[in-house]
Amino acid sequence: MANITFGMIKPDAVKKNYSGKIIDMILSAGFKINGMKLIQLTKEQAKQFYLVHKDRPFYMELVEYITSGPVIALALEKDNAVQDYRILLGATDPLEAADGTIRKLFGESKAVNAIHGSDSDENAKIEISFMFSNLELVS
């Protein structure tokens, strides 16, 4: 049975024109793109999106980073979507990511790591709903 996950190509990867290569890797891994849009998050939207991290020391740094440029939000579908997508992404720290993963190929650091992926089925639904019902496209 197919299920869904959420992905977001982060500002660093968008700025460096890695988006096409990343999307190609996602499609080659068997994911279907059900939704995709280029958006510029405001600080308030970013704070809401990352609310789960509000008590962590890196919260404001994360908000600043994710609002530093446009991102590409992706609603993805595949059997075992969340787990398979996280394997494709690689470890949060590109230095620890497996060869051939998105973060190994395109990430710079643990904080600037090219891409986001949902960590659970529940969060995938929340993140997709947030990004595809509340935010306007970059014009």
N, C-alpha and C. Protein backbone atom coordinates (compact mmCIF):
# COMPACT_ATOMS: atom_id res chain seq x y z
N MET A 1 0.84 -1.20 0.00
CA MET A 1 0.00 0.00 0.00
C MET A 1 0.88 1.25 0.00
N ALA A 2 0.55 2.18 -0.86
CA ALA A 2 1.32 3.43 -0.94
C ALA A 2 0.98 4.33 0.24
N ASN A 3 1.96 5.07 0.69
CA ASN A 3 1.69 6.12 1.67
C ASN A 3 2.49 7.35 1.30
N ILE A 4 2.41 8.37 2.13
CA ILE A 4 2.95 9.68 1.77
C ILE A 4 4.05 10.12 2.72
N THR A 5 4.85 11.03 2.22
CA THR A 5 5.83 11.72 3.05
C THR A 5 6.00 13.12 2.49
N PHE A 6 6.63 13.95 3.29
CA PHE A 6 6.88 15.34 2.90
C PHE A 6 8.38 15.54 2.74
N GLY A 7 8.75 16.27 1.72
CA GLY A 7 10.13 16.65 1.51
C GLY A 7 10.22 18.14 1.24
N MET A 8 11.36 18.71 1.57
CA MET A 8 11.57 20.13 1.29
C MET A 8 13.03 20.33 0.89
N ILE A 9 13.22 20.79 -0.33
CA ILE A 9 14.56 21.15 -0.77
C ILE A 9 14.85 22.52 -0.16
N LYS A 10 15.92 22.57 0.63
CA LYS A 10 16.22 23.75 1.44
C LYS A 10 16.90 24.85 0.64
N PRO A 11 16.95 26.07 1.21
CA PRO A 11 17.47 27.23 0.47
C PRO A 11 18.86 27.05 -0.14
N ASP A 12 19.76 26.38 0.57
CA ASP A 12 21.12 26.21 0.05
C ASP A 12 21.11 25.41 -1.24
N ALA A 13 20.33 24.34 -1.29
CA ALA A 13 20.28 23.49 -2.49
C ALA A 13 19.55 24.19 -3.63
N VAL A 14 18.52 24.98 -3.32
CA VAL A 14 17.81 25.74 -4.35
C VAL A 14 18.77 26.77 -4.96
N LYS A 15 19.49 27.51 -4.10
CA LYS A 15 20.41 28.55 -4.57
C LYS A 15 21.52 27.97 -5.45
N LYS A 16 21.96 26.77 -5.14
CA LYS A 16 23.07 26.16 -5.89
C LYS A 16 22.58 25.38 -7.12
N ASN A 17 21.30 25.48 -7.42
CA ASN A 17 20.70 24.80 -8.58
C ASN A 17 20.82 23.28 -8.51
N TYR A 18 20.71 22.72 -7.31
CA TYR A 18 20.71 21.26 -7.14
C TYR A 18 19.31 20.66 -7.22
N SER A 19 18.30 21.50 -7.30
CA SER A 19 16.91 21.02 -7.22
C SER A 19 16.59 19.95 -8.26
N GLY A 20 16.97 20.17 -9.50
CA GLY A 20 16.68 19.21 -10.56
C GLY A 20 17.32 17.86 -10.30
N LYS A 21 18.59 17.87 -9.88
CA LYS A 21 19.30 16.62 -9.58
C LYS A 21 18.64 15.90 -8.40
N ILE A 22 18.24 16.66 -7.39
CA ILE A 22 17.60 16.07 -6.21
C ILE A 22 16.24 15.47 -6.60
N ILE A 23 15.46 16.20 -7.36
CA ILE A 23 14.15 15.70 -7.79
C ILE A 23 14.33 14.44 -8.64
N ASP A 24 15.33 14.43 -9.51
CA ASP A 24 15.60 13.24 -10.32
C ASP A 24 15.93 12.04 -9.44
N MET A 25 16.71 12.25 -8.38
CA MET A 25 17.03 11.15 -7.45
C MET A 25 15.77 10.63 -6.77
N ILE A 26 14.88 11.54 -6.39
CA ILE A 26 13.63 11.16 -5.72
C ILE A 26 12.77 10.32 -6.67
N LEU A 27 12.64 10.78 -7.91
CA LEU A 27 11.85 10.04 -8.89
C LEU A 27 12.49 8.69 -9.22
N SER A 28 13.80 8.66 -9.35
CA SER A 28 14.52 7.42 -9.65
C SER A 28 14.39 6.40 -8.53
N ALA A 29 14.14 6.88 -7.31
CA ALA A 29 13.96 5.99 -6.16
C ALA A 29 12.52 5.47 -6.07
N GLY A 30 11.69 5.80 -7.06
CA GLY A 30 10.34 5.24 -7.11
C GLY A 30 9.25 6.09 -6.49
N PHE A 31 9.56 7.32 -6.10
CA PHE A 31 8.54 8.18 -5.51
C PHE A 31 7.73 8.86 -6.60
N LYS A 32 6.45 9.05 -6.32
CA LYS A 32 5.56 9.83 -7.17
C LYS A 32 5.39 11.19 -6.51
N ILE A 33 5.51 12.25 -7.30
CA ILE A 33 5.31 13.60 -6.76
C ILE A 33 3.83 13.96 -6.91
N ASN A 34 3.15 14.11 -5.77
CA ASN A 34 1.74 14.48 -5.76
C ASN A 34 1.54 15.98 -5.66
N GLY A 35 2.57 16.69 -5.22
CA GLY A 35 2.50 18.14 -5.10
C GLY A 35 3.91 18.70 -5.02
N MET A 36 4.11 19.86 -5.66
CA MET A 36 5.42 20.50 -5.61
C MET A 36 5.21 21.98 -5.81
N LYS A 37 5.86 22.80 -4.97
CA LYS A 37 5.79 24.23 -5.18
C LYS A 37 6.99 24.94 -4.58
N LEU A 38 7.36 26.02 -5.23
CA LEU A 38 8.43 26.89 -4.77
C LEU A 38 7.82 27.96 -3.89
N ILE A 39 8.30 28.05 -2.66
CA ILE A 39 7.74 29.01 -1.71
C ILE A 39 8.85 29.71 -0.94
N GLN A 40 8.53 30.89 -0.44
CA GLN A 40 9.42 31.64 0.44
C GLN A 40 8.72 31.74 1.78
N LEU A 41 9.24 31.04 2.77
CA LEU A 41 8.64 31.08 4.10
C LEU A 41 8.94 32.40 4.80
N THR A 42 7.94 32.94 5.49
CA THR A 42 8.19 34.08 6.37
C THR A 42 8.74 33.53 7.69
N LYS A 43 9.27 34.40 8.51
CA LYS A 43 9.78 33.96 9.81
C LYS A 43 8.67 33.35 10.66
N GLU A 44 7.47 33.93 10.60
CA GLU A 44 6.35 33.39 11.38
C GLU A 44 5.95 32.01 10.88
N GLN A 45 5.91 31.81 9.58
CA GLN A 45 5.58 30.49 9.03
C GLN A 45 6.65 29.46 9.41
N ALA A 46 7.90 29.87 9.35
CA ALA A 46 9.00 28.96 9.71
C ALA A 46 8.94 28.60 11.19
N LYS A 47 8.63 29.56 12.03
CA LYS A 47 8.50 29.28 13.47
C LYS A 47 7.38 28.27 13.70
N GLN A 48 6.28 28.42 12.99
CA GLN A 48 5.16 27.49 13.14
C GLN A 48 5.55 26.10 12.61
N PHE A 49 6.22 26.06 11.46
CA PHE A 49 6.61 24.77 10.87
C PHE A 49 7.55 24.01 11.79
N TYR A 50 8.50 24.71 12.41
CA TYR A 50 9.50 24.07 13.27
C TYR A 50 9.16 24.16 14.75
N LEU A 51 7.90 24.36 15.07
CA LEU A 51 7.46 24.52 16.46
C LEU A 51 7.92 23.38 17.36
N VAL A 52 8.02 22.18 16.82
CA VAL A 52 8.45 21.02 17.59
C VAL A 52 9.86 21.22 18.17
N HIS A 53 10.65 22.11 17.55
CA HIS A 53 12.02 22.36 18.00
C HIS A 53 12.17 23.64 18.82
N LYS A 54 11.07 24.28 19.20
CA LYS A 54 11.13 25.61 19.81
C LYS A 54 11.97 25.69 21.08
N ASP A 55 12.10 24.60 21.81
CA ASP A 55 12.88 24.63 23.05
C ASP A 55 14.34 24.22 22.85
N ARG A 56 14.71 23.95 21.63
CA ARG A 56 16.09 23.53 21.35
C ARG A 56 16.95 24.76 21.05
N PRO A 57 18.24 24.68 21.37
CA PRO A 57 19.10 25.86 21.20
C PRO A 57 19.25 26.32 19.75
N PHE A 58 19.03 25.44 18.80
CA PHE A 58 19.23 25.78 17.39
C PHE A 58 17.96 26.30 16.71
N TYR A 59 16.87 26.45 17.46
CA TYR A 59 15.58 26.81 16.87
C TYR A 59 15.64 28.09 16.03
N MET A 60 16.14 29.18 16.59
CA MET A 60 16.16 30.45 15.86
C MET A 60 17.13 30.40 14.68
N GLU A 61 18.22 29.68 14.82
CA GLU A 61 19.16 29.50 13.72
C GLU A 61 18.47 28.77 12.56
N LEU A 62 17.67 27.77 12.91
CA LEU A 62 16.92 27.00 11.91
C LEU A 62 15.91 27.90 11.19
N VAL A 63 15.21 28.72 11.95
CA VAL A 63 14.23 29.66 11.37
C VAL A 63 14.93 30.63 10.41
N GLU A 64 16.07 31.17 10.84
CA GLU A 64 16.82 32.10 9.98
C GLU A 64 17.27 31.42 8.69
N TYR A 65 17.79 30.23 8.82
CA TYR A 65 18.29 29.48 7.67
C TYR A 65 17.17 29.16 6.68
N ILE A 66 16.06 28.63 7.16
CA ILE A 66 15.00 28.17 6.26
C ILE A 66 14.29 29.35 5.58
N THR A 67 14.43 30.56 6.13
CA THR A 67 13.83 31.75 5.51
C THR A 67 14.84 32.54 4.69
N SER A 68 16.05 32.03 4.53
CA SER A 68 17.11 32.75 3.82
C SER A 68 16.93 32.73 2.30
N GLY A 69 16.00 31.95 1.81
CA GLY A 69 15.73 31.87 0.38
C GLY A 69 14.56 30.94 0.13
N PRO A 70 14.15 30.82 -1.13
CA PRO A 70 13.03 29.94 -1.44
C PRO A 70 13.35 28.47 -1.16
N VAL A 71 12.32 27.70 -0.90
CA VAL A 71 12.41 26.25 -0.73
C VAL A 71 11.43 25.60 -1.70
N ILE A 72 11.64 24.33 -1.97
CA ILE A 72 10.69 23.57 -2.79
C ILE A 72 10.04 22.52 -1.90
N ALA A 73 8.73 22.68 -1.71
CA ALA A 73 7.96 21.73 -0.90
C ALA A 73 7.48 20.60 -1.81
N LEU A 74 7.57 19.36 -1.29
CA LEU A 74 7.22 18.18 -2.07
C LEU A 74 6.29 17.27 -1.27
N ALA A 75 5.17 16.91 -1.86
CA ALA A 75 4.30 15.87 -1.30
C ALA A 75 4.58 14.61 -2.12
N LEU A 76 5.09 13.58 -1.46
CA LEU A 76 5.58 12.39 -2.14
C LEU A 76 4.79 11.15 -1.75
N GLU A 77 4.69 10.21 -2.68
CA GLU A 77 3.97 8.97 -2.43
C GLU A 77 4.81 7.78 -2.87
N LYS A 78 4.77 6.74 -2.05
CA LYS A 78 5.46 5.48 -2.36
C LYS A 78 5.13 4.50 -1.24
N ASP A 79 5.21 3.21 -1.51
CA ASP A 79 5.12 2.25 -0.42
C ASP A 79 6.24 2.54 0.57
N ASN A 80 5.93 2.49 1.86
CA ASN A 80 6.93 2.71 2.90
C ASN A 80 7.62 4.07 2.71
N ALA A 81 6.85 5.09 2.37
CA ALA A 81 7.38 6.39 1.94
C ALA A 81 8.31 7.04 2.96
N VAL A 82 7.89 7.14 4.22
CA VAL A 82 8.70 7.86 5.20
C VAL A 82 10.06 7.20 5.37
N GLN A 83 10.07 5.91 5.61
CA GLN A 83 11.33 5.21 5.85
C GLN A 83 12.22 5.22 4.60
N ASP A 84 11.65 4.94 3.43
CA ASP A 84 12.45 4.90 2.21
C ASP A 84 13.02 6.28 1.88
N TYR A 85 12.24 7.33 2.13
CA TYR A 85 12.71 8.68 1.84
C TYR A 85 13.86 9.06 2.77
N ARG A 86 13.74 8.70 4.03
CA ARG A 86 14.81 9.03 4.99
C ARG A 86 16.11 8.28 4.63
N ILE A 87 16.00 7.09 4.11
CA ILE A 87 17.19 6.36 3.65
C ILE A 87 17.81 7.10 2.46
N LEU A 88 16.98 7.57 1.53
CA LEU A 88 17.46 8.31 0.38
C LEU A 88 18.14 9.62 0.79
N LEU A 89 17.62 10.27 1.82
CA LEU A 89 18.20 11.52 2.30
C LEU A 89 19.59 11.31 2.88
N GLY A 90 19.75 10.28 3.69
CA GLY A 90 21.00 10.05 4.40
C GLY A 90 20.97 10.72 5.76
N ALA A 91 22.02 10.50 6.53
CA ALA A 91 22.12 11.07 7.88
C ALA A 91 22.06 12.59 7.82
N THR A 92 21.56 13.20 8.91
CA THR A 92 21.44 14.65 8.99
C THR A 92 22.78 15.33 8.71
N ASP A 93 23.86 14.77 9.23
CA ASP A 93 25.20 15.30 9.01
C ASP A 93 25.75 14.66 7.73
N PRO A 94 25.99 15.46 6.68
CA PRO A 94 26.49 14.90 5.42
C PRO A 94 27.78 14.09 5.57
N LEU A 95 28.60 14.43 6.56
CA LEU A 95 29.84 13.68 6.79
C LEU A 95 29.58 12.25 7.24
N GLU A 96 28.39 12.04 7.84
CA GLU A 96 28.01 10.71 8.32
C GLU A 96 27.05 10.00 7.36
N ALA A 97 26.60 10.69 6.33
CA ALA A 97 25.63 10.12 5.40
C ALA A 97 26.28 9.08 4.50
N ALA A 98 25.51 8.08 4.14
CA ALA A 98 26.00 7.01 3.25
C ALA A 98 26.27 7.58 1.86
N ASP A 99 27.24 7.00 1.18
CA ASP A 99 27.55 7.39 -0.19
C ASP A 99 26.30 7.25 -1.06
N GLY A 100 26.12 8.20 -1.97
CA GLY A 100 25.00 8.15 -2.89
C GLY A 100 23.71 8.75 -2.36
N THR A 101 23.69 9.17 -1.08
CA THR A 101 22.49 9.80 -0.53
C THR A 101 22.47 11.29 -0.89
N ILE A 102 21.30 11.88 -0.82
CA ILE A 102 21.15 13.30 -1.17
C ILE A 102 22.03 14.18 -0.30
N ARG A 103 22.03 13.94 1.00
CA ARG A 103 22.83 14.80 1.88
C ARG A 103 24.33 14.61 1.68
N LYS A 104 24.75 13.40 1.38
CA LYS A 104 26.17 13.16 1.11
C LYS A 104 26.60 13.93 -0.14
N LEU A 105 25.74 13.93 -1.15
CA LEU A 105 26.07 14.57 -2.42
C LEU A 105 25.92 16.09 -2.40
N PHE A 106 24.92 16.60 -1.68
CA PHE A 106 24.59 18.01 -1.80
C PHE A 106 24.63 18.81 -0.49
N GLY A 107 24.76 18.14 0.65
CA GLY A 107 24.78 18.84 1.93
C GLY A 107 26.15 19.41 2.25
N GLU A 108 26.17 20.47 3.03
CA GLU A 108 27.41 21.11 3.46
C GLU A 108 27.77 20.79 4.90
N SER A 109 26.75 20.74 5.75
CA SER A 109 26.97 20.56 7.19
C SER A 109 25.69 20.00 7.80
N LYS A 110 25.75 19.73 9.09
CA LYS A 110 24.57 19.23 9.78
C LYS A 110 23.42 20.24 9.71
N ALA A 111 23.74 21.52 9.76
CA ALA A 111 22.72 22.57 9.72
C ALA A 111 22.30 22.90 8.28
N VAL A 112 23.23 22.84 7.36
CA VAL A 112 22.98 23.19 5.96
C VAL A 112 23.10 21.90 5.15
N ASN A 113 21.99 21.14 5.14
CA ASN A 113 22.08 19.77 4.62
C ASN A 113 21.16 19.48 3.43
N ALA A 114 20.79 20.50 2.70
CA ALA A 114 20.11 20.41 1.40
C ALA A 114 18.64 20.04 1.42
N ILE A 115 18.20 19.20 2.36
CA ILE A 115 16.85 18.66 2.23
C ILE A 115 16.25 18.26 3.58
N HIS A 116 14.94 18.35 3.66
CA HIS A 116 14.20 17.94 4.85
C HIS A 116 13.30 16.77 4.48
N GLY A 117 13.08 15.88 5.44
CA GLY A 117 12.13 14.80 5.26
C GLY A 117 11.37 14.52 6.54
N SER A 118 10.12 14.19 6.42
CA SER A 118 9.31 13.85 7.60
C SER A 118 9.89 12.65 8.33
N ASP A 119 9.74 12.66 9.66
CA ASP A 119 10.29 11.57 10.46
C ASP A 119 9.24 10.54 10.88
N SER A 120 7.98 10.76 10.50
CA SER A 120 6.92 9.81 10.84
C SER A 120 5.73 10.02 9.90
N ASP A 121 4.86 9.03 9.81
CA ASP A 121 3.65 9.16 9.00
C ASP A 121 2.79 10.32 9.49
N GLU A 122 2.69 10.45 10.81
CA GLU A 122 1.88 11.52 11.39
C GLU A 122 2.44 12.90 11.01
N ASN A 123 3.77 13.08 11.16
CA ASN A 123 4.37 14.36 10.81
C ASN A 123 4.31 14.64 9.32
N ALA A 124 4.37 13.60 8.50
CA ALA A 124 4.24 13.79 7.05
C ALA A 124 2.89 14.43 6.73
N LYS A 125 1.83 13.93 7.32
CA LYS A 125 0.49 14.49 7.07
C LYS A 125 0.41 15.93 7.55
N ILE A 126 0.97 16.21 8.72
CA ILE A 126 0.95 17.57 9.28
C ILE A 126 1.74 18.52 8.37
N GLU A 127 2.94 18.10 7.96
CA GLU A 127 3.80 18.97 7.16
C GLU A 127 3.23 19.21 5.77
N ILE A 128 2.68 18.18 5.15
CA ILE A 128 2.05 18.35 3.84
C ILE A 128 0.86 19.30 3.94
N SER A 129 0.04 19.10 4.95
CA SER A 129 -1.12 19.98 5.15
C SER A 129 -0.67 21.43 5.34
N PHE A 130 0.36 21.63 6.15
CA PHE A 130 0.86 22.98 6.41
C PHE A 130 1.36 23.64 5.12
N MET A 131 2.19 22.95 4.40
CA MET A 131 2.83 23.55 3.22
C MET A 131 1.91 23.69 2.02
N PHE A 132 0.92 22.81 1.89
CA PHE A 132 0.10 22.86 0.69
C PHE A 132 -1.27 23.49 0.90
N SER A 133 -1.59 23.93 2.11
CA SER A 133 -2.87 24.61 2.28
C SER A 133 -2.71 26.03 2.80
N ASN A 134 -1.56 26.35 3.36
CA ASN A 134 -1.41 27.66 4.02
C ASN A 134 -0.52 28.65 3.30
N LEU A 135 0.28 28.21 2.34
CA LEU A 135 1.32 29.08 1.81
C LEU A 135 1.15 29.37 0.32
N GLU A 136 1.51 30.58 -0.04
CA GLU A 136 1.43 31.02 -1.42
C GLU A 136 2.71 30.70 -2.17
N LEU A 137 2.60 30.55 -3.46
CA LEU A 137 3.75 30.31 -4.32
C LEU A 137 4.62 31.57 -4.40
N VAL A 138 5.91 31.38 -4.66
CA VAL A 138 6.78 32.51 -4.93
C VAL A 138 6.40 33.04 -6.30
N SER A 139 6.25 34.34 -6.41
CA SER A 139 5.86 34.92 -7.72
C SER A 139 7.06 35.48 -8.45
